[in-house]
């Protein structure tokens, strides 16, 4: 990063940013790519490039773009979200999607876009589902966007290549931090015209950066060195799940790098205090999410399991029995 060759990315002349964008566009078979400081901004610029004021996008009830991005599409883009119930595997039923598409009537917002997420809560969406979902909405004249914050986890888990993972999507946001370990940065992929519109929105949203090659260099390194190693995070998640299950916790088995632990409501505060005192960073709630990543080692997994085990032992019964 310190040695990165830099320029002014607002004017498109930062050579390291340009290299990153060309490199990831080629990997995914996209016409163009655009570097963003965050995935939230990348998703929002994509939604605003696809949809106009008063338009609507279909999205999962638990999707990051709907639930965890402060309603940016509505607040800043004047785009109406139509949240749809997610199935346990992270998909949205095809029938639910088609039923939600509004007719061409002045009473309704114009349904323009379907936004999906992969992975969804750590679950990998099957290629057959993605093909069916994108195919049915394309046939109805809608565009498609994929929030791929953890897309490389899905790619590594499924053993597929990048182009197969994004087939059927008109735009894709790919995160370079998360499991890949870069300190910041996401990239939006799509056709030339869409990326041109997103570039304008990026500037309006405060995402125009000057010597951004410093950050882009980290993204290039992450793409070159940290994709294949995601299998280690998946293995560590399984190790963590097995360890917590062995001490009596109710754990949802992981597919990739996320596990979920059930915690009784009256134990949330106590467990939170115990883990904090033990140096374990966790936001404890009734369905606590634990995520493995580049900076979590097998030794870290052992320490975490022992911290949970000490909490259970101090109470003399399994956490699932407490309350």
Protein backbone atom coordinates (compact mmCIF):
# COMPACT_ATOMS: atom_id res chain seq x y z
CA UNK A 1 0.00 0.00 0.00
CA UNK A 2 2.81 2.41 0.91
CA UNK A 3 4.48 1.84 -2.46
CA UNK A 4 1.29 2.19 -4.53
CA UNK A 5 1.48 4.32 -7.66
CA UNK A 6 -1.31 6.86 -7.16
CA UNK A 7 -3.18 9.60 -8.99
CA UNK A 8 -6.61 11.19 -8.76
CA UNK A 9 -9.40 8.64 -9.04
CA UNK A 10 -12.08 11.34 -9.34
CA UNK A 11 -10.55 12.09 -12.74
CA UNK A 12 -9.94 8.39 -13.42
CA UNK A 13 -6.15 8.68 -13.51
CA UNK A 14 -5.11 6.67 -10.44
CA UNK A 15 -3.17 3.80 -12.06
CA UNK A 16 -3.54 1.40 -9.13
CA UNK A 17 -7.30 1.90 -8.94
CA UNK A 18 -7.53 1.43 -12.71
CA UNK A 19 -5.50 -1.77 -12.44
CA UNK A 20 -7.74 -3.13 -9.69
CA UNK A 21 -10.90 -2.32 -11.66
CA UNK A 22 -9.58 -3.93 -14.85
CA UNK A 23 -8.33 -6.97 -12.95
CA UNK A 24 -11.60 -7.75 -11.13
CA UNK A 25 -13.74 -6.95 -14.18
CA UNK A 26 -11.80 -9.54 -16.17
CA UNK A 27 -12.14 -12.13 -13.39
CA UNK A 28 -15.92 -11.76 -13.34
CA UNK A 29 -16.42 -11.25 -17.06
CA UNK A 30 -17.84 -7.74 -16.60
CA UNK A 31 -17.51 -4.82 -19.01
CA UNK A 32 -16.54 -2.34 -16.31
CA UNK A 33 -15.78 -2.09 -12.59
CA UNK A 34 -15.86 0.83 -10.17
CA UNK A 35 -14.01 1.09 -6.85
CA UNK A 36 -15.92 2.28 -3.76
CA UNK A 37 -14.79 2.90 -0.19
CA UNK A 38 -17.61 0.74 1.24
CA UNK A 39 -20.05 -1.94 0.22
CA UNK A 40 -22.97 0.09 1.53
CA UNK A 41 -22.10 2.89 -0.88
CA UNK A 42 -21.50 0.46 -3.73
CA UNK A 43 -24.92 -1.15 -3.23
CA UNK A 44 -26.65 2.23 -2.95
CA UNK A 45 -25.02 3.63 -6.10
CA UNK A 46 -26.08 0.47 -7.95
CA UNK A 47 -29.68 0.79 -6.80
CA UNK A 48 -29.73 4.47 -7.81
CA UNK A 49 -28.21 3.65 -11.20
CA UNK A 50 -30.90 1.05 -11.84
CA UNK A 51 -33.90 2.88 -10.40
CA UNK A 52 -35.31 6.37 -10.64
CA UNK A 53 -37.29 8.43 -8.16
CA UNK A 54 -40.52 6.61 -7.30
CA UNK A 55 -39.33 3.24 -8.62
CA UNK A 56 -39.29 0.07 -6.53
CA UNK A 57 -36.86 -2.75 -5.90
CA UNK A 58 -37.66 -6.23 -4.59
CA UNK A 59 -35.40 -7.39 -1.77
CA UNK A 60 -35.24 -9.97 1.01
CA UNK A 61 -36.58 -9.01 4.44
CA UNK A 62 -33.18 -9.92 5.94
CA UNK A 63 -31.02 -8.52 3.14
CA UNK A 64 -28.25 -6.12 4.04
CA UNK A 65 -29.38 -3.52 1.51
CA UNK A 66 -32.81 -3.40 3.15
CA UNK A 67 -32.18 -4.08 6.84
CA UNK A 68 -28.70 -2.84 7.64
CA UNK A 69 -28.03 0.17 5.41
CA UNK A 70 -30.30 2.74 7.12
CA UNK A 71 -32.86 2.65 4.34
CA UNK A 72 -30.47 4.52 2.06
CA UNK A 73 -32.33 3.56 -1.11
CA UNK A 74 -35.48 5.24 0.18
CA UNK A 75 -33.85 8.11 2.08
CA UNK A 76 -31.27 9.14 -0.52
CA UNK A 77 -32.53 7.54 -3.72
CA UNK A 78 -36.33 7.95 -3.34
CA UNK A 79 -36.53 4.24 -4.24
CA UNK A 80 -39.26 2.19 -2.58
CA UNK A 81 -38.10 -1.15 -1.17
CA UNK A 82 -40.54 -4.05 -1.35
CA UNK A 83 -39.22 -6.44 1.31
CA UNK A 84 -40.05 -10.12 0.79
CA UNK A 85 -39.77 -12.95 3.28
CA UNK A 86 -36.55 -14.96 3.11
CA UNK A 87 -36.66 -18.74 3.31
CA UNK A 88 -34.44 -20.41 5.93
CA UNK A 89 -31.80 -21.06 3.25
CA UNK A 90 -31.64 -17.35 2.36
CA UNK A 91 -33.58 -17.59 -0.89
CA UNK A 92 -36.84 -15.80 -1.72
CA UNK A 93 -39.50 -18.08 -3.16
CA UNK A 94 -39.85 -17.52 -6.90
CA UNK A 95 -43.62 -17.31 -6.60
CA UNK A 96 -43.30 -14.62 -3.95
CA UNK A 97 -41.04 -12.63 -6.25
CA UNK A 98 -43.39 -12.79 -9.24
CA UNK A 99 -46.43 -11.95 -7.10
CA UNK A 100 -44.68 -8.81 -5.84
CA UNK A 101 -44.04 -7.34 -9.31
CA UNK A 102 -46.49 -4.47 -9.66
CA UNK A 103 -48.69 -4.03 -12.74
CA UNK A 104 -48.17 -1.01 -14.98
CA UNK A 105 -50.66 1.20 -13.19
CA UNK A 106 -50.44 4.78 -11.96
CA UNK A 107 -51.40 3.63 -8.45
CA UNK A 108 -48.18 1.65 -8.01
CA UNK A 109 -44.48 2.28 -7.87
CA UNK A 110 -42.75 0.87 -10.93
CA UNK A 111 -40.99 -2.40 -10.06
CA UNK A 112 -37.55 -2.09 -11.66
CA UNK A 113 -35.10 -4.36 -9.87
CA UNK A 114 -34.56 -7.58 -7.93
CA UNK A 115 -31.71 -7.45 -5.40
CA UNK A 116 -30.36 -10.71 -3.98
CA UNK A 117 -27.48 -11.45 -1.60
CA UNK A 118 -24.91 -14.26 -1.70
CA UNK A 119 -23.97 -15.53 0.78
CA UNK A 120 -27.19 -14.82 2.70
CA UNK A 121 -26.50 -15.11 6.40
CA UNK A 122 -23.62 -17.41 5.55
CA UNK A 123 -25.80 -19.64 3.35
CA UNK A 124 -24.81 -20.21 -0.27
CA UNK A 125 -27.59 -19.60 -2.77
CA UNK A 126 -27.64 -22.46 -5.31
CA UNK A 127 -26.80 -21.60 -8.91
CA UNK A 128 -30.04 -23.24 -10.05
CA UNK A 129 -32.01 -20.85 -7.84
CA UNK A 130 -30.07 -17.79 -8.99
CA UNK A 131 -30.65 -18.75 -12.62
CA UNK A 132 -34.38 -19.24 -12.06
CA UNK A 133 -34.82 -16.02 -10.07
CA UNK A 134 -32.89 -13.79 -12.47
CA UNK A 135 -34.49 -15.45 -15.48
CA UNK A 136 -38.05 -14.91 -14.31
CA UNK A 137 -37.57 -11.22 -13.50
CA UNK A 138 -35.64 -10.52 -16.69
CA UNK A 139 -38.59 -11.96 -18.58
CA UNK A 140 -40.78 -9.40 -16.79
CA UNK A 141 -38.48 -6.51 -17.75
CA UNK A 142 -36.70 -6.11 -14.40
CA UNK A 143 -32.96 -5.70 -13.84
CA UNK A 144 -30.98 -7.67 -11.24
CA UNK A 145 -28.39 -6.73 -8.62
CA UNK A 146 -26.29 -9.01 -6.42
CA UNK A 147 -24.92 -7.91 -3.06
CA UNK A 148 -21.79 -10.05 -3.04
CA UNK A 149 -20.23 -8.80 0.18
CA UNK A 150 -19.21 -12.41 0.88
CA UNK A 151 -19.44 -13.68 -2.68
CA UNK A 152 -15.97 -15.20 -2.61
CA UNK A 153 -17.05 -17.37 0.33
CA UNK A 154 -19.83 -18.72 -1.88
CA UNK A 155 -17.44 -19.22 -4.80
CA UNK A 156 -14.90 -21.13 -2.72
CA UNK A 157 -17.55 -23.22 -0.96
CA UNK A 158 -19.27 -24.14 -4.24
CA UNK A 159 -16.04 -24.73 -6.19
CA UNK A 160 -17.24 -22.56 -9.09
CA UNK A 161 -15.56 -19.76 -11.00
CA UNK A 162 -16.39 -16.07 -10.76
CA UNK A 163 -18.30 -15.81 -14.02
CA UNK A 164 -20.62 -18.66 -13.07
CA UNK A 165 -21.28 -17.06 -9.69
CA UNK A 166 -22.62 -13.83 -11.22
CA UNK A 167 -24.40 -15.18 -14.29
CA UNK A 168 -27.76 -13.50 -14.74
CA UNK A 169 -26.95 -10.33 -12.76
CA UNK A 170 -26.81 -6.88 -14.30
CA UNK A 171 -24.70 -5.52 -11.46
CA UNK A 172 -22.67 -7.06 -8.65
CA UNK A 173 -21.07 -5.52 -5.58
CA UNK A 174 -17.99 -7.40 -4.35
CA UNK A 175 -16.37 -6.63 -1.00
CA UNK A 176 -12.58 -6.65 -0.66
CA UNK A 177 -12.56 -6.46 3.12
CA UNK A 178 -14.69 -8.99 5.05
CA UNK A 179 -13.03 -12.38 4.54
CA UNK A 180 -10.49 -11.11 2.01
CA UNK A 181 -8.88 -8.92 4.66
CA UNK A 182 -8.38 -5.59 2.88
CA UNK A 183 -8.84 -2.62 5.26
CA UNK A 184 -11.53 -1.04 3.07
CA UNK A 185 -13.08 -1.15 -0.36
CA UNK A 186 -15.72 -2.74 -2.55
CA UNK A 187 -16.05 -2.93 -6.32
CA UNK A 188 -19.21 -2.60 -8.40
CA UNK A 189 -19.33 -4.63 -11.61
CA UNK A 190 -21.63 -4.16 -14.59
CA UNK A 191 -22.11 -2.90 -18.12
CA UNK A 192 -20.39 0.26 -19.31
CA UNK A 193 -23.52 2.42 -19.16
CA UNK A 194 -24.54 1.28 -15.70
CA UNK A 195 -21.06 1.85 -14.28
CA UNK A 196 -21.04 5.31 -15.88
CA UNK A 197 -24.27 6.17 -14.04
CA UNK A 198 -22.92 4.67 -10.82
CA UNK A 199 -19.77 6.80 -11.11
CA UNK A 200 -21.91 9.93 -11.10
CA UNK A 201 -23.84 8.71 -8.07
CA UNK A 202 -20.61 7.76 -6.30
CA UNK A 203 -19.49 11.37 -6.50
CA UNK A 204 -22.86 12.62 -5.23
CA UNK A 205 -22.70 10.15 -2.32
CA UNK A 206 -19.26 11.35 -1.26
CA UNK A 207 -17.32 8.40 -2.64
CA UNK A 208 -14.98 10.28 -4.96
CA UNK A 209 -11.45 9.76 -3.64
CA UNK A 210 -8.13 11.24 -4.69
CA UNK A 211 -5.07 9.03 -4.08
CA UNK A 212 -7.26 5.95 -3.66
CA UNK A 213 -4.57 3.69 -5.07
CA UNK A 214 -3.31 3.23 -1.51
CA UNK A 215 -6.54 1.34 -0.74
CA UNK A 216 -6.77 -0.29 -4.16
CA UNK A 217 -3.32 -1.83 -3.65
CA UNK A 218 -4.65 -3.69 -0.63
CA UNK A 219 -7.57 -4.94 -2.71
CA UNK A 220 -5.22 -6.22 -5.41
CA UNK A 221 -3.16 -8.08 -2.81
CA UNK A 222 -6.31 -9.57 -1.26
CA UNK A 223 -7.53 -10.85 -4.63
CA UNK A 224 -4.15 -12.38 -5.38
CA UNK A 225 -3.49 -13.99 -2.00
CA UNK A 226 -6.61 -14.30 0.17
CA UNK A 227 -9.31 -15.98 -1.91
CA UNK A 228 -8.22 -19.62 -1.73
CA UNK A 229 -7.47 -19.36 1.98
CA UNK A 230 -11.18 -18.78 2.72
CA UNK A 231 -11.43 -22.56 3.12
CA UNK A 232 -9.55 -22.05 6.41
CA UNK A 233 -12.27 -19.71 7.67
CA UNK A 234 -14.94 -22.25 6.73
CA UNK A 235 -13.05 -25.00 8.55
CA UNK A 236 -12.63 -22.79 11.60
CA UNK A 237 -16.34 -22.00 11.64
CA UNK A 238 -17.11 -25.72 11.67
CA UNK A 239 -14.55 -26.24 14.44
CA UNK A 240 -16.20 -23.47 16.47
CA UNK A 241 -19.67 -24.90 15.89
CA UNK A 242 -18.56 -28.37 16.97
CA UNK A 243 -16.87 -27.00 20.08
CA UNK A 244 -19.89 -24.99 21.18
CA UNK A 245 -22.27 -27.86 20.44
CA UNK A 246 -20.15 -30.15 22.60
CA UNK A 247 -20.71 -27.95 25.65
CA UNK A 248 -24.47 -27.94 25.19
CA UNK A 249 -25.17 -24.82 23.13
CA UNK A 250 -27.82 -24.80 20.42
CA UNK A 251 -25.81 -24.03 17.27
CA UNK A 252 -26.85 -23.75 13.63
CA UNK A 253 -24.28 -25.64 11.58
CA UNK A 254 -22.31 -23.36 9.23
CA UNK A 255 -22.04 -23.57 5.45
CA UNK A 256 -19.29 -20.99 5.18
CA UNK A 257 -17.84 -18.70 7.86
CA UNK A 258 -20.88 -17.86 10.01
CA UNK A 259 -22.47 -19.75 12.85
CA UNK A 260 -25.49 -18.78 14.94
CA UNK A 261 -25.88 -19.58 18.64
CA UNK A 262 -29.19 -19.47 20.52
CA UNK A 263 -28.94 -17.56 23.81
CA UNK A 264 -31.85 -17.27 26.30
CA UNK A 265 -32.99 -13.67 26.68
CA UNK A 266 -32.15 -13.52 30.38
CA UNK A 267 -28.59 -14.72 29.71
CA UNK A 268 -27.68 -12.21 27.02
CA UNK A 269 -26.29 -9.54 29.36
CA UNK A 270 -24.40 -12.04 31.52
CA UNK A 271 -22.81 -13.83 28.58
CA UNK A 272 -21.92 -10.50 26.95
CA UNK A 273 -20.14 -9.33 30.11
CA UNK A 274 -18.34 -12.66 30.49
CA UNK A 275 -17.07 -12.74 26.90
CA UNK A 276 -15.96 -9.10 27.05
CA UNK A 277 -14.00 -9.80 30.23
CA UNK A 278 -12.38 -12.78 28.49
CA UNK A 279 -11.32 -10.62 25.53
CA UNK A 280 -13.85 -12.14 23.12
CA UNK A 281 -15.51 -9.59 20.82
CA UNK A 282 -19.15 -10.55 20.31
CA UNK A 283 -22.50 -8.80 20.09
CA UNK A 284 -24.60 -11.23 22.10
CA UNK A 285 -28.32 -11.46 21.40
CA UNK A 286 -30.98 -14.17 21.24
CA UNK A 287 -29.49 -15.39 17.94
CA UNK A 288 -25.83 -14.53 18.27
CA UNK A 289 -23.79 -14.52 15.07
CA UNK A 290 -20.14 -15.57 15.21
CA UNK A 291 -17.96 -15.01 12.13
CA UNK A 292 -14.55 -16.42 11.32
CA UNK A 293 -12.14 -14.46 9.14
CA UNK A 294 -8.52 -13.83 8.24
CA UNK A 295 -7.54 -12.69 11.73
CA UNK A 296 -9.12 -15.61 13.62
CA UNK A 297 -6.80 -18.60 14.06
CA UNK A 298 -7.48 -22.12 15.29
CA UNK A 299 -5.98 -21.02 18.57
CA UNK A 300 -8.50 -18.19 18.66
CA UNK A 301 -11.29 -20.73 18.16
CA UNK A 302 -10.02 -22.73 21.13
CA UNK A 303 -9.94 -19.62 23.32
CA UNK A 304 -13.49 -18.69 22.31
CA UNK A 305 -14.85 -22.16 23.03
CA UNK A 306 -13.15 -22.17 26.42
CA UNK A 307 -14.70 -18.79 27.25
CA UNK A 308 -18.19 -20.09 26.48
CA UNK A 309 -17.45 -23.29 28.38
CA UNK A 310 -16.36 -21.34 31.46
CA UNK A 311 -19.62 -19.40 31.43
CA UNK A 312 -21.68 -22.58 31.22
CA UNK A 313 -19.60 -24.33 33.90
CA UNK A 314 -20.00 -21.42 36.32
CA UNK A 315 -23.76 -21.96 36.18
CA UNK A 316 -23.68 -25.71 36.40
CA UNK A 317 -26.00 -26.40 33.46
CA UNK A 318 -26.16 -26.10 29.70
CA UNK A 319 -26.87 -22.66 28.29
CA UNK A 320 -29.93 -24.05 26.52
CA UNK A 321 -31.37 -25.01 29.94
CA UNK A 322 -30.81 -21.62 31.52
CA UNK A 323 -33.56 -19.05 31.77
